Amino acid sequence: MREIFEETGLSVNEKDITNMNMRDRHKTFFCVMLPSDDITLSDEHFEYGFFTLEEAMQLDNLSKSYRKAVYSCLSEDEDIKHKNIKIKIGGHGAGGMVPAGPK
């Protein structure tokens, strides 16, 4: 909850966060539907975008572990699959965020 607020300026409740039981090195992945799209990025990030699940899966800079986490989180709900979903593109690899630029 703290990390989501620090990175996006959005507040979420603990009950809204799902632990995906997925880890990659020092990252633990969680899934949450954000309450709005009124994002205020922290100084650690420089952009974010709106993508359908299919568009997200085609991003060149999406690592295998992030691709698996995003797909796992969003493909479970048929209503989500074809809506624009928010994937934050950031400057570091906080769990659940998609890193930007070269690795």
C-alpha atoms as a PDB file:
ATOM      1  CA  MET A   1       0.000   0.000   0.000  1.00  0.00           C
ATOM      2  CA  ARG A   2       2.826   2.363   0.897  1.00  0.00           C
ATOM      3  CA  GLU A   3       4.734   1.599  -2.307  1.00  0.00           C
ATOM      4  CA  ILE A   4       1.649   2.130  -4.490  1.00  0.00           C
ATOM      5  CA  PHE A   5       1.000   5.485  -2.821  1.00  0.00           C
ATOM      6  CA  GLU A   6       4.647   6.581  -3.107  1.00  0.00           C
ATOM      7  CA  GLU A   7       4.885   5.574  -6.762  1.00  0.00           C
ATOM      8  CA  THR A   8       1.458   6.704  -8.051  1.00  0.00           C
ATOM      9  CA  GLY A   9      -0.121   8.985  -5.447  1.00  0.00           C
ATOM     10  CA  LEU A  10      -3.083   6.574  -5.214  1.00  0.00           C
ATOM     11  CA  SER A  11      -4.383   4.998  -2.017  1.00  0.00           C
ATOM     12  CA  VAL A  12      -5.519   1.371  -1.979  1.00  0.00           C
ATOM     13  CA  ASN A  13      -6.873  -0.831   0.793  1.00  0.00           C
ATOM     14  CA  GLU A  14      -5.124  -3.991   1.935  1.00  0.00           C
ATOM     15  CA  LYS A  15      -8.208  -6.015   0.961  1.00  0.00           C
ATOM     16  CA  ASP A  16      -7.788  -4.835  -2.668  1.00  0.00           C
ATOM     17  CA  ILE A  17      -4.251  -6.240  -3.000  1.00  0.00           C
ATOM     18  CA  THR A  18      -3.731  -9.845  -4.085  1.00  0.00           C
ATOM     19  CA  ASN A  19      -0.423 -11.586  -3.465  1.00  0.00           C
ATOM     20  CA  MET A  20       0.257 -13.487  -6.671  1.00  0.00           C
ATOM     21  CA  ASN A  21       2.723 -15.845  -4.961  1.00  0.00           C
ATOM     22  CA  MET A  22       5.239 -14.976  -7.665  1.00  0.00           C
ATOM     23  CA  ARG A  23       8.824 -13.928  -7.028  1.00  0.00           C
ATOM     24  CA  ASP A  24      11.778 -13.056  -9.221  1.00  0.00           C
ATOM     25  CA  ARG A  25      15.011 -12.509  -7.319  1.00  0.00           C
ATOM     26  CA  HIS A  26      14.263  -9.589  -4.974  1.00  0.00           C
ATOM     27  CA  LYS A  27      10.824  -8.783  -6.447  1.00  0.00           C
ATOM     28  CA  THR A  28       7.474 -10.003  -5.134  1.00  0.00           C
ATOM     29  CA  PHE A  29       4.483  -9.457  -7.414  1.00  0.00           C
ATOM     30  CA  PHE A  30       1.042  -8.268  -6.328  1.00  0.00           C
ATOM     31  CA  CYS A  31      -2.110  -7.505  -8.280  1.00  0.00           C
ATOM     32  CA  VAL A  32      -4.451  -4.583  -7.572  1.00  0.00           C
ATOM     33  CA  MET A  33      -7.090  -2.628  -9.473  1.00  0.00           C
ATOM     34  CA  LEU A  34      -6.227   1.005  -8.918  1.00  0.00           C
ATOM     35  CA  PRO A  35      -9.113   3.195  -7.761  1.00  0.00           C
ATOM     36  CA  SER A  36      -8.587   5.859 -10.444  1.00  0.00           C
ATOM     37  CA  ASP A  37      -6.325   6.915 -13.284  1.00  0.00           C
ATOM     38  CA  ASP A  38      -5.308  10.183 -11.625  1.00  0.00           C
ATOM     39  CA  ILE A  39      -1.631   9.208 -11.388  1.00  0.00           C
ATOM     40  CA  THR A  40       0.994  11.456  -9.827  1.00  0.00           C
ATOM     41  CA  LEU A  41       4.371   9.879 -10.546  1.00  0.00           C
ATOM     42  CA  SER A  42       7.148   9.963  -8.011  1.00  0.00           C
ATOM     43  CA  ASP A  43      10.512  11.491  -8.947  1.00  0.00           C
ATOM     44  CA  GLU A  44      11.794   7.934  -9.523  1.00  0.00           C
ATOM     45  CA  HIS A  45       9.656   7.534 -12.662  1.00  0.00           C
ATOM     46  CA  PHE A  46       9.221   9.477 -15.839  1.00  0.00           C
ATOM     47  CA  GLU A  47       6.159   8.080 -17.627  1.00  0.00           C
ATOM     48  CA  TYR A  48       3.291   5.623 -17.598  1.00  0.00           C
ATOM     49  CA  GLY A  49       0.877   4.425 -20.253  1.00  0.00           C
ATOM     50  CA  PHE A  50      -2.460   2.752 -20.874  1.00  0.00           C
ATOM     51  CA  PHE A  51      -2.384  -0.610 -22.653  1.00  0.00           C
ATOM     52  CA  THR A  52      -4.721  -3.469 -23.383  1.00  0.00           C
ATOM     53  CA  LEU A  53      -3.445  -6.839 -22.202  1.00  0.00           C
ATOM     54  CA  GLU A  54      -2.499  -7.701 -25.779  1.00  0.00           C
ATOM     55  CA  GLU A  55      -0.558  -4.440 -26.207  1.00  0.00           C
ATOM     56  CA  ALA A  56       1.233  -4.964 -22.903  1.00  0.00           C
ATOM     57  CA  MET A  57       2.342  -8.431 -23.966  1.00  0.00           C
ATOM     58  CA  GLN A  58       3.976  -6.896 -27.061  1.00  0.00           C
ATOM     59  CA  LEU A  59       6.086  -4.319 -25.178  1.00  0.00           C
ATOM     60  CA  ASP A  60       9.761  -4.810 -26.037  1.00  0.00           C
ATOM     61  CA  ASN A  61      11.045  -3.757 -22.611  1.00  0.00           C
ATOM     62  CA  LEU A  62       8.782  -6.099 -20.609  1.00  0.00           C
ATOM     63  CA  SER A  63      10.976  -8.794 -19.037  1.00  0.00           C
ATOM     64  CA  LYS A  64       9.836 -12.406 -18.904  1.00  0.00           C
ATOM     65  CA  SER A  65       8.987 -12.236 -15.180  1.00  0.00           C
ATOM     66  CA  TYR A  66       7.003  -9.000 -15.548  1.00  0.00           C
ATOM     67  CA  ARG A  67       5.241 -10.356 -18.639  1.00  0.00           C
ATOM     68  CA  LYS A  68       4.182 -13.443 -16.654  1.00  0.00           C
ATOM     69  CA  ALA A  69       2.994 -11.341 -13.684  1.00  0.00           C
ATOM     70  CA  VAL A  70       1.022  -8.872 -15.828  1.00  0.00           C
ATOM     71  CA  TYR A  71      -0.571 -11.669 -17.830  1.00  0.00           C
ATOM     72  CA  SER A  72      -1.394 -13.654 -14.688  1.00  0.00           C
ATOM     73  CA  CYS A  73      -2.975 -10.668 -12.973  1.00  0.00           C
ATOM     74  CA  LEU A  74      -5.028  -9.442 -15.900  1.00  0.00           C
ATOM     75  CA  SER A  75      -5.978 -12.517 -17.861  1.00  0.00           C
ATOM     76  CA  GLU A  76      -8.019 -14.039 -15.019  1.00  0.00           C
ATOM     77  CA  ASP A  77     -10.868 -11.562 -15.531  1.00  0.00           C
ATOM     78  CA  GLU A  78     -12.444 -11.629 -19.003  1.00  0.00           C
ATOM     79  CA  ASP A  79     -13.822  -8.105 -18.474  1.00  0.00           C
ATOM     80  CA  ILE A  80     -10.301  -6.774 -17.945  1.00  0.00           C
ATOM     81  CA  LYS A  81      -8.732  -8.395 -20.995  1.00  0.00           C
ATOM     82  CA  HIS A  82     -10.156  -5.941 -23.523  1.00  0.00           C
ATOM     83  CA  LYS A  83     -10.266  -2.794 -21.430  1.00  0.00           C
ATOM     84  CA  ASN A  84      -7.452  -0.291 -21.269  1.00  0.00           C
ATOM     85  CA  ILE A  85      -5.396  -1.237 -18.275  1.00  0.00           C
ATOM     86  CA  LYS A  86      -2.768   0.838 -16.608  1.00  0.00           C
ATOM     87  CA  ILE A  87       0.790  -0.395 -16.523  1.00  0.00           C
ATOM     88  CA  LYS A  88       3.213   2.027 -15.003  1.00  0.00           C
ATOM     89  CA  ILE A  89       6.517   2.466 -16.793  1.00  0.00           C
ATOM     90  CA  GLY A  90       9.107   3.554 -14.269  1.00  0.00           C
ATOM     91  CA  GLY A  91      12.752   4.135 -13.590  1.00  0.00           C
ATOM     92  CA  HIS A  92      13.258   1.248 -11.162  1.00  0.00           C
ATOM     93  CA  GLY A  93      11.962  -2.269 -10.648  1.00  0.00           C
ATOM     94  CA  ALA A  94       9.553  -2.021  -7.717  1.00  0.00           C
ATOM     95  CA  GLY A  95       7.382  -5.133  -7.525  1.00  0.00           C
ATOM     96  CA  GLY A  96       4.433  -4.842  -9.859  1.00  0.00           C
ATOM     97  CA  MET A  97       5.868  -1.972 -11.841  1.00  0.00           C
ATOM     98  CA  VAL A  98       7.236  -2.357 -15.339  1.00  0.00           C
ATOM     99  CA  PRO A  99      10.820  -1.121 -15.659  1.00  0.00           C
ATOM    100  CA  ALA A 100      11.655   1.365 -18.393  1.00  0.00           C
ATOM    101  CA  GLY A 101      14.760   1.499 -20.513  1.00  0.00           C
ATOM    102  CA  PRO A 102      17.624  -0.942 -20.769  1.00  0.00           C
ATOM    103  CA  LYS A 103      18.163  -3.501 -18.046  1.00  0.00           C
END
